[in-house]
Amino acid sequence: MVSEKKLAKASGHKRVSPAAPRDAERVTGFQIGGIGPFGLKQPLPVLLDETTAQHDEIVINAGARGTMIRIATVDLLRLTGARIVDIRVE
Protein backbone atom coordinates (compact mmCIF):
# COMPACT_ATOMS: atom_id res chain seq x y z
CA MET A 1 0.00 0.00 0.00
CA VAL A 2 1.25 3.44 -0.94
CA SER A 3 0.64 6.49 1.22
CA GLU A 4 -0.71 9.27 -0.99
CA LYS A 5 0.58 11.84 1.50
CA LYS A 6 4.11 10.42 1.44
CA LEU A 7 4.01 9.98 -2.34
CA ALA A 8 2.95 13.60 -2.80
CA LYS A 9 5.82 14.80 -0.64
CA ALA A 10 8.38 12.52 -2.34
CA SER A 11 7.24 13.62 -5.81
CA GLY A 12 7.15 17.33 -4.97
CA HIS A 13 3.38 17.72 -5.28
CA LYS A 14 0.82 19.12 -2.88
CA ARG A 15 -1.54 16.15 -3.42
CA VAL A 16 -1.64 12.99 -5.51
CA SER A 17 -4.33 10.47 -6.33
CA PRO A 18 -4.51 7.41 -8.56
CA ALA A 19 -5.05 8.16 -12.24
CA ALA A 20 -8.32 7.16 -13.80
CA PRO A 21 -7.79 3.94 -15.80
CA ARG A 22 -8.47 5.69 -19.10
CA ASP A 23 -5.91 8.42 -18.32
CA ALA A 24 -3.29 5.90 -17.19
CA GLU A 25 -3.69 3.91 -20.40
CA ARG A 26 -3.55 7.04 -22.57
CA VAL A 27 -0.39 8.37 -20.90
CA THR A 28 1.50 5.07 -20.70
CA GLY A 29 0.29 3.25 -23.80
CA PHE A 30 -0.43 0.11 -21.74
CA GLN A 31 -3.60 -1.46 -20.39
CA ILE A 32 -4.36 -1.32 -16.68
CA GLY A 33 -2.86 -4.43 -15.11
CA GLY A 34 0.20 -4.32 -17.35
CA ILE A 35 1.70 -0.91 -16.70
CA GLY A 36 5.36 -1.15 -15.74
CA PRO A 37 8.25 1.31 -15.77
CA PHE A 38 9.67 0.30 -19.20
CA GLY A 39 8.55 1.18 -22.72
CA LEU A 40 6.22 4.02 -21.76
CA LYS A 41 5.07 6.51 -24.41
CA GLN A 42 6.81 9.20 -22.39
CA PRO A 43 9.27 8.56 -19.57
CA LEU A 44 7.77 9.04 -16.12
CA PRO A 45 9.57 9.34 -12.79
CA VAL A 46 9.91 6.01 -10.98
CA LEU A 47 9.78 5.92 -7.18
CA LEU A 48 10.55 2.70 -5.32
CA ASP A 49 9.66 2.27 -1.68
CA GLU A 50 12.69 1.82 0.53
CA THR A 51 11.35 -1.43 2.01
CA THR A 52 10.82 -2.91 -1.46
CA ALA A 53 14.28 -1.74 -2.50
CA GLN A 54 15.82 -3.98 0.18
CA HIS A 55 14.91 -7.10 -1.84
CA ASP A 56 17.52 -8.51 -4.24
CA GLU A 57 14.85 -9.04 -6.91
CA ILE A 58 11.34 -7.78 -7.47
CA VAL A 59 8.50 -8.75 -9.81
CA ILE A 60 6.90 -6.00 -11.90
CA ASN A 61 4.35 -5.66 -14.69
CA ALA A 62 5.84 -6.20 -18.13
CA GLY A 63 3.60 -4.32 -20.54
CA ALA A 64 0.61 -6.66 -20.88
CA ARG A 65 -2.10 -7.67 -18.47
CA GLY A 66 -0.93 -10.77 -16.59
CA THR A 67 2.65 -10.56 -17.88
CA MET A 68 5.28 -10.12 -15.21
CA ILE A 69 9.08 -10.09 -15.09
CA ARG A 70 11.49 -10.74 -12.27
CA ILE A 71 14.31 -8.20 -12.23
CA ALA A 72 17.24 -7.50 -9.96
CA THR A 73 16.43 -4.42 -7.93
CA VAL A 74 19.80 -2.84 -8.80
CA ASP A 75 18.99 -3.27 -12.51
CA LEU A 76 15.56 -1.69 -12.09
CA LEU A 77 17.18 1.27 -10.34
CA ARG A 78 19.88 1.61 -12.98
CA LEU A 79 17.58 1.28 -16.00
CA THR A 80 14.80 3.56 -14.78
CA GLY A 81 16.73 6.05 -12.67
CA ALA A 82 14.28 5.24 -9.88
CA ARG A 83 14.58 7.05 -6.58
CA ILE A 84 14.29 5.14 -3.34
CA VAL A 85 11.80 6.86 -1.03
CA ASP A 86 9.58 6.15 1.99
CA ILE A 87 6.07 5.89 0.52
CA ARG A 88 4.70 2.84 2.35
CA VAL A 89 1.55 3.05 4.45
CA GLU A 90 2.50 2.35 8.05
PDB file of N, CA and C in Angstrom:
ATOM      1  N   MET A   1       0.840  -1.184   0.000  1.00  0.00           N
ATOM      2  CA  MET A   1       0.000   0.000   0.000  1.00  0.00           C
ATOM      3  C   MET A   1       0.884   1.247   0.000  1.00  0.00           C
ATOM      4  N   VAL A   2       0.497   2.200  -0.811  1.00  0.00           N
ATOM      5  CA  VAL A   2       1.248   3.444  -0.939  1.00  0.00           C
ATOM      6  C   VAL A   2       0.492   4.562  -0.233  1.00  0.00           C
ATOM      7  N   SER A   3       1.210   5.327   0.553  1.00  0.00           N
ATOM      8  CA  SER A   3       0.640   6.487   1.222  1.00  0.00           C
ATOM      9  C   SER A   3       0.596   7.652   0.233  1.00  0.00           C
ATOM     10  N   GLU A   4      -0.596   8.141  -0.073  1.00  0.00           N
ATOM     11  CA  GLU A   4      -0.710   9.268  -0.990  1.00  0.00           C
ATOM     12  C   GLU A   4      -0.011  10.504  -0.436  1.00  0.00           C
ATOM     13  N   LYS A   5      -0.077  10.692   0.869  1.00  0.00           N
ATOM     14  CA  LYS A   5       0.578  11.840   1.497  1.00  0.00           C
ATOM     15  C   LYS A   5       2.097  11.758   1.318  1.00  0.00           C
ATOM     16  N   LYS A   6       2.664  10.585   1.590  1.00  0.00           N
ATOM     17  CA  LYS A   6       4.108  10.416   1.439  1.00  0.00           C
ATOM     18  C   LYS A   6       4.531  10.495  -0.025  1.00  0.00           C
ATOM     19  N   LEU A   7       3.703   9.931  -0.912  1.00  0.00           N
ATOM     20  CA  LEU A   7       4.011   9.977  -2.339  1.00  0.00           C
ATOM     21  C   LEU A   7       3.989  11.419  -2.846  1.00  0.00           C
ATOM     22  N   ALA A   8       3.015  12.194  -2.404  1.00  0.00           N
ATOM     23  CA  ALA A   8       2.948  13.599  -2.801  1.00  0.00           C
ATOM     24  C   ALA A   8       4.218  14.330  -2.378  1.00  0.00           C
ATOM     25  N   LYS A   9       4.627  14.127  -1.142  1.00  0.00           N
ATOM     26  CA  LYS A   9       5.824  14.802  -0.643  1.00  0.00           C
ATOM     27  C   LYS A   9       7.063  14.358  -1.428  1.00  0.00           C
ATOM     28  N   ALA A  10       7.209  13.048  -1.646  1.00  0.00           N
ATOM     29  CA  ALA A  10       8.383  12.520  -2.340  1.00  0.00           C
ATOM     30  C   ALA A  10       8.447  12.979  -3.793  1.00  0.00           C
ATOM     31  N   SER A  11       7.278  13.216  -4.405  1.00  0.00           N
ATOM     32  CA  SER A  11       7.242  13.622  -5.807  1.00  0.00           C
ATOM     33  C   SER A  11       7.182  15.131  -5.998  1.00  0.00           C
ATOM     34  N   GLY A  12       7.149  15.870  -4.887  1.00  0.00           N
ATOM     35  CA  GLY A  12       7.146  17.330  -4.973  1.00  0.00           C
ATOM     36  C   GLY A  12       5.800  17.929  -5.323  1.00  0.00           C
ATOM     37  N   HIS A  13       4.730  17.209  -5.015  1.00  0.00           N
ATOM     38  CA  HIS A  13       3.383  17.716  -5.279  1.00  0.00           C
ATOM     39  C   HIS A  13       2.639  17.961  -3.975  1.00  0.00           C
ATOM     40  N   LYS A  14       1.635  18.835  -4.054  1.00  0.00           N
ATOM     41  CA  LYS A  14       0.820  19.123  -2.878  1.00  0.00           C
ATOM     42  C   LYS A  14      -0.079  17.933  -2.534  1.00  0.00           C
ATOM     43  N   ARG A  15      -0.673  17.319  -3.588  1.00  0.00           N
ATOM     44  CA  ARG A  15      -1.541  16.152  -3.421  1.00  0.00           C
ATOM     45  C   ARG A  15      -1.353  15.235  -4.620  1.00  0.00           C
ATOM     46  N   VAL A  16      -1.603  13.954  -4.416  1.00  0.00           N
ATOM     47  CA  VAL A  16      -1.635  12.995  -5.513  1.00  0.00           C
ATOM     48  C   VAL A  16      -2.828  12.075  -5.315  1.00  0.00           C
ATOM     49  N   SER A  17      -3.269  11.479  -6.397  1.00  0.00           N
ATOM     50  CA  SER A  17      -4.331  10.468  -6.333  1.00  0.00           C
ATOM     51  C   SER A  17      -4.130   9.544  -7.524  1.00  0.00           C
ATOM     52  N   PRO A  18      -4.664   8.335  -7.438  1.00  0.00           N
ATOM     53  CA  PRO A  18      -4.512   7.412  -8.564  1.00  0.00           C
ATOM     54  C   PRO A  18      -5.137   7.982  -9.831  1.00  0.00           C
ATOM     55  N   ALA A  19      -4.499   7.717 -10.949  1.00  0.00           N
ATOM     56  CA  ALA A  19      -5.049   8.156 -12.237  1.00  0.00           C
ATOM     57  C   ALA A  19      -6.264   7.321 -12.582  1.00  0.00           C
ATOM     58  N   ALA A  20      -7.191   7.920 -13.275  1.00  0.00           N
ATOM     59  CA  ALA A  20      -8.324   7.157 -13.804  1.00  0.00           C
ATOM     60  C   ALA A  20      -7.758   6.151 -14.806  1.00  0.00           C
ATOM     61  N   PRO A  21      -8.314   4.952 -14.875  1.00  0.00           N
ATOM     62  CA  PRO A  21      -7.789   3.943 -15.801  1.00  0.00           C
ATOM     63  C   PRO A  21      -7.595   4.452 -17.229  1.00  0.00           C
ATOM     64  N   ARG A  22      -8.562   5.168 -17.732  1.00  0.00           N
ATOM     65  CA  ARG A  22      -8.471   5.692 -19.105  1.00  0.00           C
ATOM     66  C   ARG A  22      -7.273   6.631 -19.261  1.00  0.00           C
ATOM     67  N   ASP A  23      -7.045   7.491 -18.273  1.00  0.00           N
ATOM     68  CA  ASP A  23      -5.906   8.420 -18.322  1.00  0.00           C
ATOM     69  C   ASP A  23      -4.585   7.671 -18.237  1.00  0.00           C
ATOM     70  N   ALA A  24      -4.511   6.675 -17.333  1.00  0.00           N
ATOM     71  CA  ALA A  24      -3.285   5.897 -17.186  1.00  0.00           C
ATOM     72  C   ALA A  24      -2.940   5.181 -18.488  1.00  0.00           C
ATOM     73  N   GLU A  25      -3.930   4.612 -19.138  1.00  0.00           N
ATOM     74  CA  GLU A  25      -3.689   3.907 -20.397  1.00  0.00           C
ATOM     75  C   GLU A  25      -3.276   4.866 -21.508  1.00  0.00           C
ATOM     76  N   ARG A  26      -3.887   6.037 -21.542  1.00  0.00           N
ATOM     77  CA  ARG A  26      -3.549   7.036 -22.570  1.00  0.00           C
ATOM     78  C   ARG A  26      -2.116   7.529 -22.403  1.00  0.00           C
ATOM     79  N   VAL A  27      -1.727   7.814 -21.172  1.00  0.00           N
ATOM     80  CA  VAL A  27      -0.391   8.365 -20.905  1.00  0.00           C
ATOM     81  C   VAL A  27       0.706   7.325 -21.096  1.00  0.00           C
ATOM     82  N   THR A  28       0.452   6.093 -20.664  1.00  0.00           N
ATOM     83  CA  THR A  28       1.501   5.069 -20.704  1.00  0.00           C
ATOM     84  C   THR A  28       1.523   4.250 -21.986  1.00  0.00           C
ATOM     85  N   GLY A  29       0.368   4.104 -22.631  1.00  0.00           N
ATOM     86  CA  GLY A  29       0.288   3.251 -23.803  1.00  0.00           C
ATOM     87  C   GLY A  29       0.031   1.788 -23.466  1.00  0.00           C
ATOM     88  N   PHE A  30      -0.173   1.488 -22.191  1.00  0.00           N
ATOM     89  CA  PHE A  30      -0.425   0.114 -21.745  1.00  0.00           C
ATOM     90  C   PHE A  30      -1.789   0.012 -21.078  1.00  0.00           C
ATOM     91  N   GLN A  31      -2.339  -1.217 -21.076  1.00  0.00           N
ATOM     92  CA  GLN A  31      -3.599  -1.464 -20.385  1.00  0.00           C
ATOM     93  C   GLN A  31      -3.373  -1.533 -18.881  1.00  0.00           C
ATOM     94  N   ILE A  32      -4.383  -1.142 -18.127  1.00  0.00           N
ATOM     95  CA  ILE A  32      -4.357  -1.316 -16.679  1.00  0.00           C
ATOM     96  C   ILE A  32      -4.090  -2.791 -16.395  1.00  0.00           C
ATOM     97  N   GLY A  33      -3.229  -3.054 -15.442  1.00  0.00           N
ATOM     98  CA  GLY A  33      -2.865  -4.431 -15.114  1.00  0.00           C
ATOM     99  C   GLY A  33      -1.585  -4.860 -15.798  1.00  0.00           C
ATOM    100  N   GLY A  34      -1.049  -3.996 -16.661  1.00  0.00           N
ATOM    101  CA  GLY A  34       0.195  -4.321 -17.353  1.00  0.00           C
ATOM    102  C   GLY A  34       1.171  -3.171 -17.383  1.00  0.00           C
ATOM    103  N   ILE A  35       0.850  -2.099 -16.662  1.00  0.00           N
ATOM    104  CA  ILE A  35       1.704  -0.907 -16.696  1.00  0.00           C
ATOM    105  C   ILE A  35       2.935  -1.118 -15.829  1.00  0.00           C
ATOM    106  N   GLY A  36       4.084  -1.049 -16.445  1.00  0.00           N
ATOM    107  CA  GLY A  36       5.360  -1.153 -15.745  1.00  0.00           C
ATOM    108  C   GLY A  36       6.197   0.078 -16.057  1.00  0.00           C
ATOM    109  N   PRO A  37       7.429   0.120 -15.592  1.00  0.00           N
ATOM    110  CA  PRO A  37       8.252   1.312 -15.772  1.00  0.00           C
ATOM    111  C   PRO A  37       9.011   1.377 -17.100  1.00  0.00           C
ATOM    112  N   PHE A  38       8.919   0.330 -17.942  1.00  0.00           N
ATOM    113  CA  PHE A  38       9.671   0.298 -19.197  1.00  0.00           C
ATOM    114  C   PHE A  38       8.761   0.464 -20.399  1.00  0.00           C
ATOM    115  N   GLY A  39       9.264   1.099 -21.463  1.00  0.00           N
ATOM    116  CA  GLY A  39       8.548   1.182 -22.722  1.00  0.00           C
ATOM    117  C   GLY A  39       7.360   2.120 -22.734  1.00  0.00           C
ATOM    118  N   LEU A  40       7.331   3.071 -21.831  1.00  0.00           N
ATOM    119  CA  LEU A  40       6.216   4.020 -21.764  1.00  0.00           C
ATOM    120  C   LEU A  40       6.269   4.981 -22.947  1.00  0.00           C
ATOM    121  N   LYS A  41       5.114   5.520 -23.331  1.00  0.00           N
ATOM    122  CA  LYS A  41       5.065   6.514 -24.405  1.00  0.00           C
ATOM    123  C   LYS A  41       5.982   7.688 -24.088  1.00  0.00           C
ATOM    124  N   GLN A  42       5.937   8.113 -22.856  1.00  0.00           N
ATOM    125  CA  GLN A  42       6.812   9.198 -22.393  1.00  0.00           C
ATOM    126  C   GLN A  42       7.385   8.773 -21.048  1.00  0.00           C
ATOM    127  N   PRO A  43       8.672   8.973 -20.845  1.00  0.00           N
ATOM    128  CA  PRO A  43       9.271   8.560 -19.567  1.00  0.00           C
ATOM    129  C   PRO A  43       8.593   9.260 -18.387  1.00  0.00           C
ATOM    130  N   LEU A  44       8.351   8.504 -17.351  1.00  0.00           N
ATOM    131  CA  LEU A  44       7.772   9.045 -16.124  1.00  0.00           C
ATOM    132  C   LEU A  44       8.725   8.766 -14.968  1.00  0.00           C
ATOM    133  N   PRO A  45       8.706   9.599 -13.939  1.00  0.00           N
ATOM    134  CA  PRO A  45       9.567   9.337 -12.788  1.00  0.00           C
ATOM    135  C   PRO A  45       9.171   8.016 -12.122  1.00  0.00           C
ATOM    136  N   VAL A  46      10.157   7.276 -11.667  1.00  0.00           N
ATOM    137  CA  VAL A  46       9.909   6.014 -10.979  1.00  0.00           C
ATOM    138  C   VAL A  46      10.369   6.162  -9.539  1.00  0.00           C
ATOM    139  N   LEU A  47       9.471   5.885  -8.600  1.00  0.00           N
ATOM    140  CA  LEU A  47       9.784   5.918  -7.184  1.00  0.00           C
ATOM    141  C   LEU A  47       9.615   4.510  -6.639  1.00  0.00           C
ATOM    142  N   LEU A  48      10.583   4.050  -5.880  1.00  0.00           N
ATOM    143  CA  LEU A  48      10.550   2.703  -5.316  1.00  0.00           C
ATOM    144  C   LEU A  48      10.616   2.828  -3.809  1.00  0.00           C
ATOM    145  N   ASP A  49       9.671   2.188  -3.124  1.00  0.00           N
ATOM    146  CA  ASP A  49       9.661   2.266  -1.676  1.00  0.00           C
ATOM    147  C   ASP A  49      10.938   1.659  -1.104  1.00  0.00           C
ATOM    148  N   GLU A  50      11.435   2.260  -0.063  1.00  0.00           N
ATOM    149  CA  GLU A  50      12.695   1.819   0.532  1.00  0.00           C
ATOM    150  C   GLU A  50      12.635   0.393   1.068  1.00  0.00           C
ATOM    151  N   THR A  51      11.489  -0.055   1.527  1.00  0.00           N
ATOM    152  CA  THR A  51      11.355  -1.434   2.007  1.00  0.00           C
ATOM    153  C   THR A  51      11.432  -2.406   0.832  1.00  0.00           C
ATOM    154  N   THR A  52      10.768  -2.082  -0.256  1.00  0.00           N
ATOM    155  CA  THR A  52      10.816  -2.912  -1.458  1.00  0.00           C
ATOM    156  C   THR A  52      12.235  -2.944  -2.022  1.00  0.00           C
ATOM    157  N   ALA A  53      12.923  -1.836  -1.960  1.00  0.00           N
ATOM    158  CA  ALA A  53      14.282  -1.745  -2.505  1.00  0.00           C
ATOM    159  C   ALA A  53      15.275  -2.634  -1.762  1.00  0.00           C
ATOM    160  N   GLN A  54      14.923  -3.114  -0.583  1.00  0.00           N
ATOM    161  CA  GLN A  54      15.825  -3.976   0.175  1.00  0.00           C
ATOM    162  C   GLN A  54      15.880  -5.402  -0.383  1.00  0.00           C
ATOM    163  N   HIS A  55      14.929  -5.763  -1.246  1.00  0.00           N
ATOM    164  CA  HIS A  55      14.914  -7.101  -1.837  1.00  0.00           C
ATOM    165  C   HIS A  55      15.920  -7.172  -2.987  1.00  0.00           C
ATOM    166  N   ASP A  56      16.565  -8.328  -3.147  1.00  0.00           N
ATOM    167  CA  ASP A  56      17.524  -8.506  -4.236  1.00  0.00           C
ATOM    168  C   ASP A  56      16.840  -8.467  -5.595  1.00  0.00           C
ATOM    169  N   GLU A  57      15.630  -9.018  -5.669  1.00  0.00           N
ATOM    170  CA  GLU A  57      14.850  -9.038  -6.906  1.00  0.00           C
ATOM    171  C   GLU A  57      13.417  -8.635  -6.592  1.00  0.00           C
ATOM    172  N   ILE A  58      12.759  -8.084  -7.612  1.00  0.00           N
ATOM    173  CA  ILE A  58      11.336  -7.783  -7.472  1.00  0.00           C
ATOM    174  C   ILE A  58      10.628  -8.221  -8.743  1.00  0.00           C
ATOM    175  N   VAL A  59       9.316  -8.368  -8.664  1.00  0.00           N
ATOM    176  CA  VAL A  59       8.499  -8.750  -9.807  1.00  0.00           C
ATOM    177  C   VAL A  59       7.624  -7.555 -10.167  1.00  0.00           C
ATOM    178  N   ILE A  60       7.649  -7.172 -11.442  1.00  0.00           N
ATOM    179  CA  ILE A  60       6.897  -5.998 -11.895  1.00  0.00           C
ATOM    180  C   ILE A  60       6.095  -6.338 -13.146  1.00  0.00           C
ATOM    181  N   ASN A  61       5.108  -5.505 -13.459  1.00  0.00           N
ATOM    182  CA  ASN A  61       4.353  -5.656 -14.692  1.00  0.00           C
ATOM    183  C   ASN A  61       5.281  -5.466 -15.881  1.00  0.00           C
ATOM    184  N   ALA A  62       4.951  -6.196 -16.966  1.00  0.00           N
ATOM    185  CA  ALA A  62       5.840  -6.197 -18.131  1.00  0.00           C
ATOM    186  C   ALA A  62       5.145  -5.783 -19.422  1.00  0.00           C
ATOM    187  N   GLY A  63       4.181  -4.898 -19.344  1.00  0.00           N
ATOM    188  CA  GLY A  63       3.596  -4.323 -20.544  1.00  0.00           C
ATOM    189  C   GLY A  63       2.324  -4.946 -21.063  1.00  0.00           C
ATOM    190  N   ALA A  64       1.882  -6.042 -20.474  1.00  0.00           N
ATOM    191  CA  ALA A  64       0.612  -6.657 -20.880  1.00  0.00           C
ATOM    192  C   ALA A  64      -0.055  -7.225 -19.638  1.00  0.00           C
ATOM    193  N   ARG A  65      -1.350  -7.154 -19.612  1.00  0.00           N
ATOM    194  CA  ARG A  65      -2.095  -7.667 -18.466  1.00  0.00           C
ATOM    195  C   ARG A  65      -1.716  -9.123 -18.208  1.00  0.00           C
ATOM    196  N   GLY A  66      -1.293  -9.413 -16.977  1.00  0.00           N
ATOM    197  CA  GLY A  66      -0.927 -10.767 -16.592  1.00  0.00           C
ATOM    198  C   GLY A  66       0.495 -11.166 -16.945  1.00  0.00           C
ATOM    199  N   THR A  67       1.261 -10.266 -17.529  1.00  0.00           N
ATOM    200  CA  THR A  67       2.651 -10.561 -17.884  1.00  0.00           C
ATOM    201  C   THR A  67       3.565  -9.860 -16.902  1.00  0.00           C
ATOM    202  N   MET A  68       4.397 -10.657 -16.238  1.00  0.00           N
ATOM    203  CA  MET A  68       5.284 -10.122 -15.208  1.00  0.00           C
ATOM    204  C   MET A  68       6.729 -10.513 -15.525  1.00  0.00           C
ATOM    205  N   ILE A  69       7.666  -9.718 -15.003  1.00  0.00           N
ATOM    206  CA  ILE A  69       9.080 -10.086 -15.094  1.00  0.00           C
ATOM    207  C   ILE A  69       9.704  -9.978 -13.707  1.00  0.00           C
ATOM    208  N   ARG A  70      10.685 -10.820 -13.483  1.00  0.00           N
ATOM    209  CA  ARG A  70      11.492 -10.740 -12.267  1.00  0.00           C
ATOM    210  C   ARG A  70      12.776 -10.017 -12.675  1.00  0.00           C
ATOM    211  N   ILE A  71      13.137  -9.008 -11.905  1.00  0.00           N
ATOM    212  CA  ILE A  71      14.308  -8.203 -12.234  1.00  0.00           C
ATOM    213  C   ILE A  71      15.095  -7.912 -10.958  1.00  0.00           C
ATOM    214  N   ALA A  72      16.395  -7.885 -11.093  1.00  0.00           N
ATOM    215  CA  ALA A  72      17.239  -7.502  -9.962  1.00  0.00           C
ATOM    216  C   ALA A  72      16.933  -6.046  -9.624  1.00  0.00           C
ATOM    217  N   THR A  73      16.779  -5.775  -8.369  1.00  0.00           N
ATOM    218  CA  THR A  73      16.435  -4.419  -7.931  1.00  0.00           C
ATOM    219  C   THR A  73      17.480  -3.412  -8.404  1.00  0.00           C
ATOM    220  N   VAL A  74      18.748  -3.770  -8.343  1.00  0.00           N
ATOM    221  CA  VAL A  74      19.798  -2.844  -8.800  1.00  0.00           C
ATOM    222  C   VAL A  74      19.651  -2.538 -10.283  1.00  0.00           C
ATOM    223  N   ASP A  75      19.201  -3.520 -11.077  1.00  0.00           N
ATOM    224  CA  ASP A  75      18.989  -3.273 -12.506  1.00  0.00           C
ATOM    225  C   ASP A  75      17.787  -2.362 -12.736  1.00  0.00           C
ATOM    226  N   LEU A  76      16.728  -2.567 -11.977  1.00  0.00           N
ATOM    227  CA  LEU A  76      15.564  -1.686 -12.086  1.00  0.00           C
ATOM    228  C   LEU A  76      15.974  -0.242 -11.775  1.00  0.00           C
ATOM    229  N   LEU A  77      16.727  -0.071 -10.716  1.00  0.00           N
ATOM    230  CA  LEU A  77      17.176   1.274 -10.336  1.00  0.00           C
ATOM    231  C   LEU A  77      18.043   1.893 -11.427  1.00  0.00           C
ATOM    232  N   ARG A  78      18.948   1.114 -11.959  1.00  0.00           N
ATOM    233  CA  ARG A  78      19.879   1.612 -12.983  1.00  0.00           C
ATOM    234  C   ARG A  78      19.144   1.957 -14.283  1.00  0.00           C
ATOM    235  N   LEU A  79      18.257   1.083 -14.723  1.00  0.00           N
ATOM    236  CA  LEU A  79      17.580   1.276 -16.004  1.00  0.00           C
ATOM    237  C   LEU A  79      16.503   2.353 -15.993  1.00  0.00           C
ATOM    238  N   THR A  80      15.888   2.577 -14.844  1.00  0.00           N
ATOM    239  CA  THR A  80      14.799   3.564 -14.777  1.00  0.00           C
ATOM    240  C   THR A  80      15.211   4.875 -14.121  1.00  0.00           C
ATOM    241  N   GLY A  81      16.355   4.858 -13.436  1.00  0.00           N
ATOM    242  CA  GLY A  81      16.733   6.052 -12.671  1.00  0.00           C
ATOM    243  C   GLY A  81      15.832   6.249 -11.470  1.00  0.00           C
ATOM    244  N   ALA A  82      15.215   5.162 -11.006  1.00  0.00           N
ATOM    245  CA  ALA A  82      14.276   5.242  -9.880  1.00  0.00           C
ATOM    246  C   ALA A  82      14.947   5.821  -8.645  1.00  0.00           C
ATOM    247  N   ARG A  83      14.145   6.541  -7.889  1.00  0.00           N
ATOM    248  CA  ARG A  83      14.584   7.055  -6.585  1.00  0.00           C
ATOM    249  C   ARG A  83      13.980   6.184  -5.496  1.00  0.00           C
ATOM    250  N   ILE A  84      14.774   5.903  -4.476  1.00  0.00           N
ATOM    251  CA  ILE A  84      14.289   5.140  -3.337  1.00  0.00           C
ATOM    252  C   ILE A  84      13.753   6.125  -2.308  1.00  0.00           C
ATOM    253  N   VAL A  85      12.480   5.930  -1.932  1.00  0.00           N
ATOM    254  CA  VAL A  85      11.799   6.862  -1.032  1.00  0.00           C
ATOM    255  C   VAL A  85      10.916   6.084  -0.059  1.00  0.00           C
ATOM    256  N   ASP A  86      10.512   6.744   1.004  1.00  0.00           N
ATOM    257  CA  ASP A  86       9.581   6.154   1.987  1.00  0.00           C
ATOM    258  C   ASP A  86       8.168   6.536   1.571  1.00  0.00           C
ATOM    259  N   ILE A  87       7.442   5.608   0.953  1.00  0.00           N
ATOM    260  CA  ILE A  87       6.068   5.892   0.524  1.00  0.00           C
ATOM    261  C   ILE A  87       5.083   4.839   1.024  1.00  0.00           C
ATOM    262  N   ARG A  88       5.530   3.954   1.857  1.00  0.00           N
ATOM    263  CA  ARG A  88       4.700   2.841   2.345  1.00  0.00           C
ATOM    264  C   ARG A  88       3.737   3.312   3.433  1.00  0.00           C
ATOM    265  N   VAL A  89       2.517   2.799   3.381  1.00  0.00           N
ATOM    266  CA  VAL A  89       1.551   3.051   4.452  1.00  0.00           C
ATOM    267  C   VAL A  89       2.044   2.313   5.696  1.00  0.00           C
ATOM    268  N   GLU A  90       2.024   2.976   6.806  1.00  0.00           N
ATOM    269  CA  GLU A  90       2.502   2.350   8.047  1.00  0.00           C
ATOM    270  C   GLU A  90       1.373   1.705   8.794  1.00  0.00           C
TER     271      GLU A  90
END
